[in-house]
Amino acid sequence: MVDTVESTDLKARRHSPAEHLWTDFAVSAASGPHGVSLREVPFQAMVGIRVDASSAGGQRIGALTGGLPMRCGQVATGNTGMAVLWLGPDDFLLVGPEEAVAGTLAAELVSALDDGAGQAIDLSSNRTTFELDGPCARAVLEKGCAADLHPRALSVGTAITTAIGNVPIVLWKTGEDTFRLLPRASFADYLGRWLLDGMREFITADGTSWR
């Protein structure tokens, strides 16, 4: 019981890397046919996985996560609210809400390797998650991203490693006009402010899109 109380108390005291910008995110949001909004999705569980997906260990890990992606840009999603993003031929990032990865899953991932080559490491504090949404979201990102973000090149459900405003990120397109950006926590303040600046031209003083 003591451990549970202490764990709950610690969670209540946590601060996300961009929490100090939440008010600015809310004020800068604009709706409408040319709107754009930004928010932080804090405290996502993330596990870095290094394994050959075709190996016995990779297959066991795939069974736990709902599958491992097999090619660049692919995202594998299971029925547990988790997603596994392809970062390299044997490099993956499992992302999901805390409750989906809580408990014994992290330990089960390590056990699934069964002394084979690979690793599974909790990276939940390593990154945060920004969500940029709206018809002008792509236009904001294109101000500082060299990757082709047109839907023919970056379709819904695709994730790539790239840079926004010189900040290395994982960029995940989760909807037609919705992008999730996963920067290192130490870059959260800079990237959050960069995105706010990039949104400014699309938003009028009364909080609506200008077009």
Protein backbone atom coordinates (compact mmCIF):
# COMPACT_ATOMS: atom_id res chain seq x y z
CA MET A 1 0.00 0.00 0.00
CA VAL A 2 2.85 2.37 0.85
CA ASP A 3 4.49 1.78 -2.51
CA THR A 4 1.21 2.53 -4.32
CA VAL A 5 0.69 5.78 -2.42
CA GLU A 6 4.26 6.89 -3.06
CA SER A 7 3.99 6.06 -6.77
CA THR A 8 0.74 8.04 -7.10
CA ASP A 9 2.24 10.99 -5.25
CA LEU A 10 5.31 11.03 -7.50
CA LYS A 11 3.16 11.01 -10.64
CA ALA A 12 1.18 13.98 -9.32
CA ARG A 13 4.43 15.93 -8.90
CA ARG A 14 5.76 15.33 -12.39
CA HIS A 15 6.29 18.16 -14.84
CA SER A 16 6.52 17.59 -18.56
CA PRO A 17 9.35 19.22 -20.58
CA ALA A 18 6.99 21.74 -22.25
CA GLU A 19 4.41 22.26 -19.49
CA HIS A 20 5.44 25.90 -19.13
CA LEU A 21 4.31 26.50 -22.73
CA TRP A 22 0.83 24.98 -22.47
CA THR A 23 -0.87 28.38 -22.03
CA ASP A 24 0.90 29.70 -25.12
CA PHE A 25 -0.15 26.60 -27.04
CA ALA A 26 -3.80 27.13 -26.07
CA VAL A 27 -3.79 30.86 -26.86
CA SER A 28 -2.15 30.26 -30.26
CA ALA A 29 -4.64 27.61 -31.41
CA ALA A 30 -6.93 28.53 -34.29
CA SER A 31 -9.81 26.59 -35.76
CA GLY A 32 -11.45 26.85 -39.14
CA PRO A 33 -10.57 25.69 -42.66
CA HIS A 34 -7.04 27.10 -42.38
CA GLY A 35 -6.48 26.70 -38.64
CA VAL A 36 -3.64 25.06 -36.75
CA SER A 37 -3.21 24.03 -33.12
CA LEU A 38 -0.40 22.68 -30.98
CA ARG A 39 -0.40 20.68 -27.76
CA GLU A 40 1.94 18.50 -25.78
CA VAL A 41 0.96 14.89 -25.12
CA PRO A 42 2.95 14.31 -21.94
CA PHE A 43 4.19 11.16 -20.25
CA GLN A 44 3.89 8.75 -23.15
CA ALA A 45 5.54 5.42 -22.44
CA MET A 46 8.40 4.68 -24.83
CA VAL A 47 10.60 1.62 -25.10
CA GLY A 48 13.62 1.44 -27.38
CA ILE A 49 13.90 -2.00 -28.96
CA ARG A 50 16.95 -3.32 -30.81
CA VAL A 51 16.39 -6.74 -32.35
CA ASP A 52 16.37 -8.54 -35.67
CA ALA A 53 12.64 -8.65 -36.43
CA SER A 54 13.00 -11.99 -38.22
CA SER A 55 14.79 -13.66 -35.32
CA ALA A 56 13.08 -15.81 -32.71
CA GLY A 57 13.43 -12.99 -30.18
CA GLY A 58 12.01 -10.51 -32.68
CA GLN A 59 9.01 -12.71 -33.30
CA ARG A 60 8.37 -13.08 -29.57
CA ILE A 61 8.59 -9.31 -29.10
CA GLY A 62 6.25 -8.84 -32.06
CA ALA A 63 3.75 -11.14 -30.39
CA LEU A 64 3.82 -8.91 -27.29
CA THR A 65 3.54 -5.59 -29.11
CA GLY A 66 1.20 -6.50 -31.95
CA GLY A 67 3.98 -6.81 -34.50
CA LEU A 68 7.24 -5.14 -35.57
CA PRO A 69 7.39 -2.94 -38.68
CA MET A 70 9.52 -4.32 -41.50
CA ARG A 71 10.40 -1.29 -43.63
CA CYS A 72 11.34 2.38 -43.44
CA GLY A 73 8.44 4.58 -42.38
CA GLN A 74 6.18 1.73 -41.34
CA VAL A 75 4.31 1.81 -38.03
CA ALA A 76 2.92 -1.40 -36.55
CA THR A 77 -0.15 -1.03 -34.34
CA GLY A 78 -1.70 -3.71 -32.18
CA ASN A 79 -4.90 -3.91 -30.18
CA THR A 80 -3.42 -2.55 -26.95
CA GLY A 81 -3.07 1.16 -27.76
CA MET A 82 0.62 0.73 -28.54
CA ALA A 83 2.46 1.49 -31.76
CA VAL A 84 5.94 0.42 -32.86
CA LEU A 85 7.79 2.85 -35.12
CA TRP A 86 10.55 1.75 -37.51
CA LEU A 87 13.76 3.70 -36.88
CA GLY A 88 16.19 1.31 -38.59
CA PRO A 89 16.51 -2.29 -39.80
CA ASP A 90 16.86 -3.52 -36.21
CA ASP A 91 15.88 -0.35 -34.33
CA PHE A 92 12.32 0.31 -33.16
CA LEU A 93 10.50 2.65 -30.79
CA LEU A 94 7.43 1.40 -28.95
CA VAL A 95 5.08 4.27 -28.04
CA GLY A 96 1.86 4.17 -26.08
CA PRO A 97 -0.04 5.54 -23.11
CA GLU A 98 1.46 4.74 -19.75
CA GLU A 99 -1.27 2.30 -18.83
CA ALA A 100 -0.56 0.25 -21.96
CA VAL A 101 3.08 -0.30 -21.06
CA ALA A 102 2.76 -0.28 -17.28
CA GLY A 103 3.13 -3.39 -15.20
CA THR A 104 5.13 -6.27 -16.54
CA LEU A 105 5.38 -5.50 -20.27
CA ALA A 106 8.84 -3.93 -20.11
CA ALA A 107 10.17 -6.96 -18.26
CA GLU A 108 8.37 -9.29 -20.68
CA LEU A 109 10.06 -7.57 -23.62
CA VAL A 110 13.47 -8.18 -22.08
CA SER A 111 12.55 -11.80 -21.31
CA ALA A 112 11.37 -12.28 -24.89
CA LEU A 113 14.95 -11.80 -26.09
CA ASP A 114 15.84 -14.96 -24.15
CA ASP A 115 19.59 -14.18 -24.04
CA GLY A 116 19.59 -13.53 -27.79
CA ALA A 117 21.07 -10.45 -29.43
CA GLY A 118 19.11 -7.26 -28.76
CA GLN A 119 17.83 -4.98 -26.04
CA ALA A 120 14.67 -3.37 -24.72
CA ILE A 121 15.18 -0.16 -22.73
CA ASP A 122 12.66 2.18 -21.10
CA LEU A 123 13.11 5.57 -22.82
CA SER A 124 9.94 7.22 -21.52
CA SER A 125 11.84 10.19 -20.02
CA ASN A 126 14.03 10.60 -23.09
CA ARG A 127 11.44 12.26 -25.34
CA THR A 128 8.22 14.19 -25.18
CA THR A 129 5.43 14.37 -27.75
CA PHE A 130 4.00 17.38 -29.55
CA GLU A 131 0.86 17.16 -31.64
CA LEU A 132 0.38 19.68 -34.44
CA ASP A 133 -3.09 19.57 -35.95
CA GLY A 134 -5.10 21.45 -38.55
CA PRO A 135 -5.19 22.22 -42.27
CA CYS A 136 -2.08 24.43 -41.98
CA ALA A 137 -0.04 21.98 -39.86
CA ARG A 138 1.99 20.77 -42.84
CA ALA A 139 2.70 24.35 -43.92
CA VAL A 140 4.14 25.09 -40.47
CA LEU A 141 6.40 22.05 -40.56
CA GLU A 142 7.57 22.77 -44.09
CA LYS A 143 9.17 25.99 -42.86
CA GLY A 144 11.95 23.99 -41.28
CA CYS A 145 11.83 20.41 -42.54
CA ALA A 146 13.78 19.12 -45.54
CA ALA A 147 11.69 15.94 -45.84
CA ASP A 148 8.88 15.73 -48.38
CA LEU A 149 5.70 16.03 -46.32
CA HIS A 150 3.24 15.82 -49.20
CA PRO A 151 0.70 13.02 -48.63
CA ARG A 152 2.10 11.10 -51.60
CA ALA A 153 5.42 10.83 -49.73
CA LEU A 154 4.28 10.86 -46.09
CA SER A 155 0.98 9.06 -45.76
CA VAL A 156 -1.16 8.66 -42.66
CA GLY A 157 0.35 6.04 -40.37
CA THR A 158 3.92 6.74 -41.48
CA ALA A 159 6.80 7.79 -39.22
CA ILE A 160 10.24 9.04 -40.22
CA THR A 161 13.32 10.42 -38.54
CA THR A 162 14.05 13.96 -39.69
CA ALA A 163 14.71 17.43 -38.28
CA ILE A 164 12.44 20.42 -37.67
CA GLY A 165 14.19 23.73 -37.14
CA ASN A 166 17.47 21.79 -36.85
CA VAL A 167 16.06 19.69 -33.99
CA PRO A 168 16.27 15.91 -34.61
CA ILE A 169 12.86 14.33 -34.18
CA VAL A 170 10.71 11.36 -35.00
CA LEU A 171 7.84 12.68 -37.14
CA TRP A 172 4.69 10.55 -37.15
CA LYS A 173 1.68 11.40 -39.29
CA THR A 174 -1.32 10.13 -37.34
CA GLY A 175 -4.11 11.79 -39.36
CA GLU A 176 -4.74 13.67 -42.59
CA ASP A 177 -3.86 16.98 -40.89
CA THR A 178 -2.29 15.66 -37.69
CA PHE A 179 1.40 15.16 -36.95
CA ARG A 180 3.12 13.95 -33.81
CA LEU A 181 6.66 15.17 -33.21
CA LEU A 182 8.90 13.30 -30.76
CA PRO A 183 11.91 15.44 -29.80
CA ARG A 184 14.42 14.79 -27.06
CA ALA A 185 13.15 16.30 -23.82
CA SER A 186 16.06 18.76 -23.73
CA PHE A 187 14.88 20.27 -27.05
CA ALA A 188 11.22 20.62 -25.99
CA ASP A 189 11.39 24.30 -25.06
CA TYR A 190 13.21 25.32 -28.24
CA LEU A 191 11.03 23.26 -30.56
CA GLY A 192 7.81 24.34 -28.84
CA ARG A 193 8.73 28.00 -29.32
CA TRP A 194 9.83 27.37 -32.90
CA LEU A 195 6.47 25.81 -33.70
CA LEU A 196 4.60 28.69 -32.06
CA ASP A 197 6.57 31.13 -34.18
CA GLY A 198 5.83 29.10 -37.30
CA MET A 199 2.10 29.14 -36.49
CA ARG A 200 1.94 32.91 -36.03
CA GLU A 201 1.28 33.86 -39.64
CA PHE A 202 -1.83 31.66 -39.74
CA ILE A 203 -3.47 33.14 -36.64
CA THR A 204 -5.06 36.55 -36.11
CA ALA A 205 -5.22 38.50 -32.86
CA ASP A 206 -8.68 37.13 -32.05
CA GLY A 207 -7.49 33.52 -32.30
CA THR A 208 -8.94 32.64 -35.68
CA SER A 209 -7.23 31.66 -38.89
CA TRP A 210 -6.60 34.68 -41.07
CA ARG A 211 -7.54 33.17 -44.43
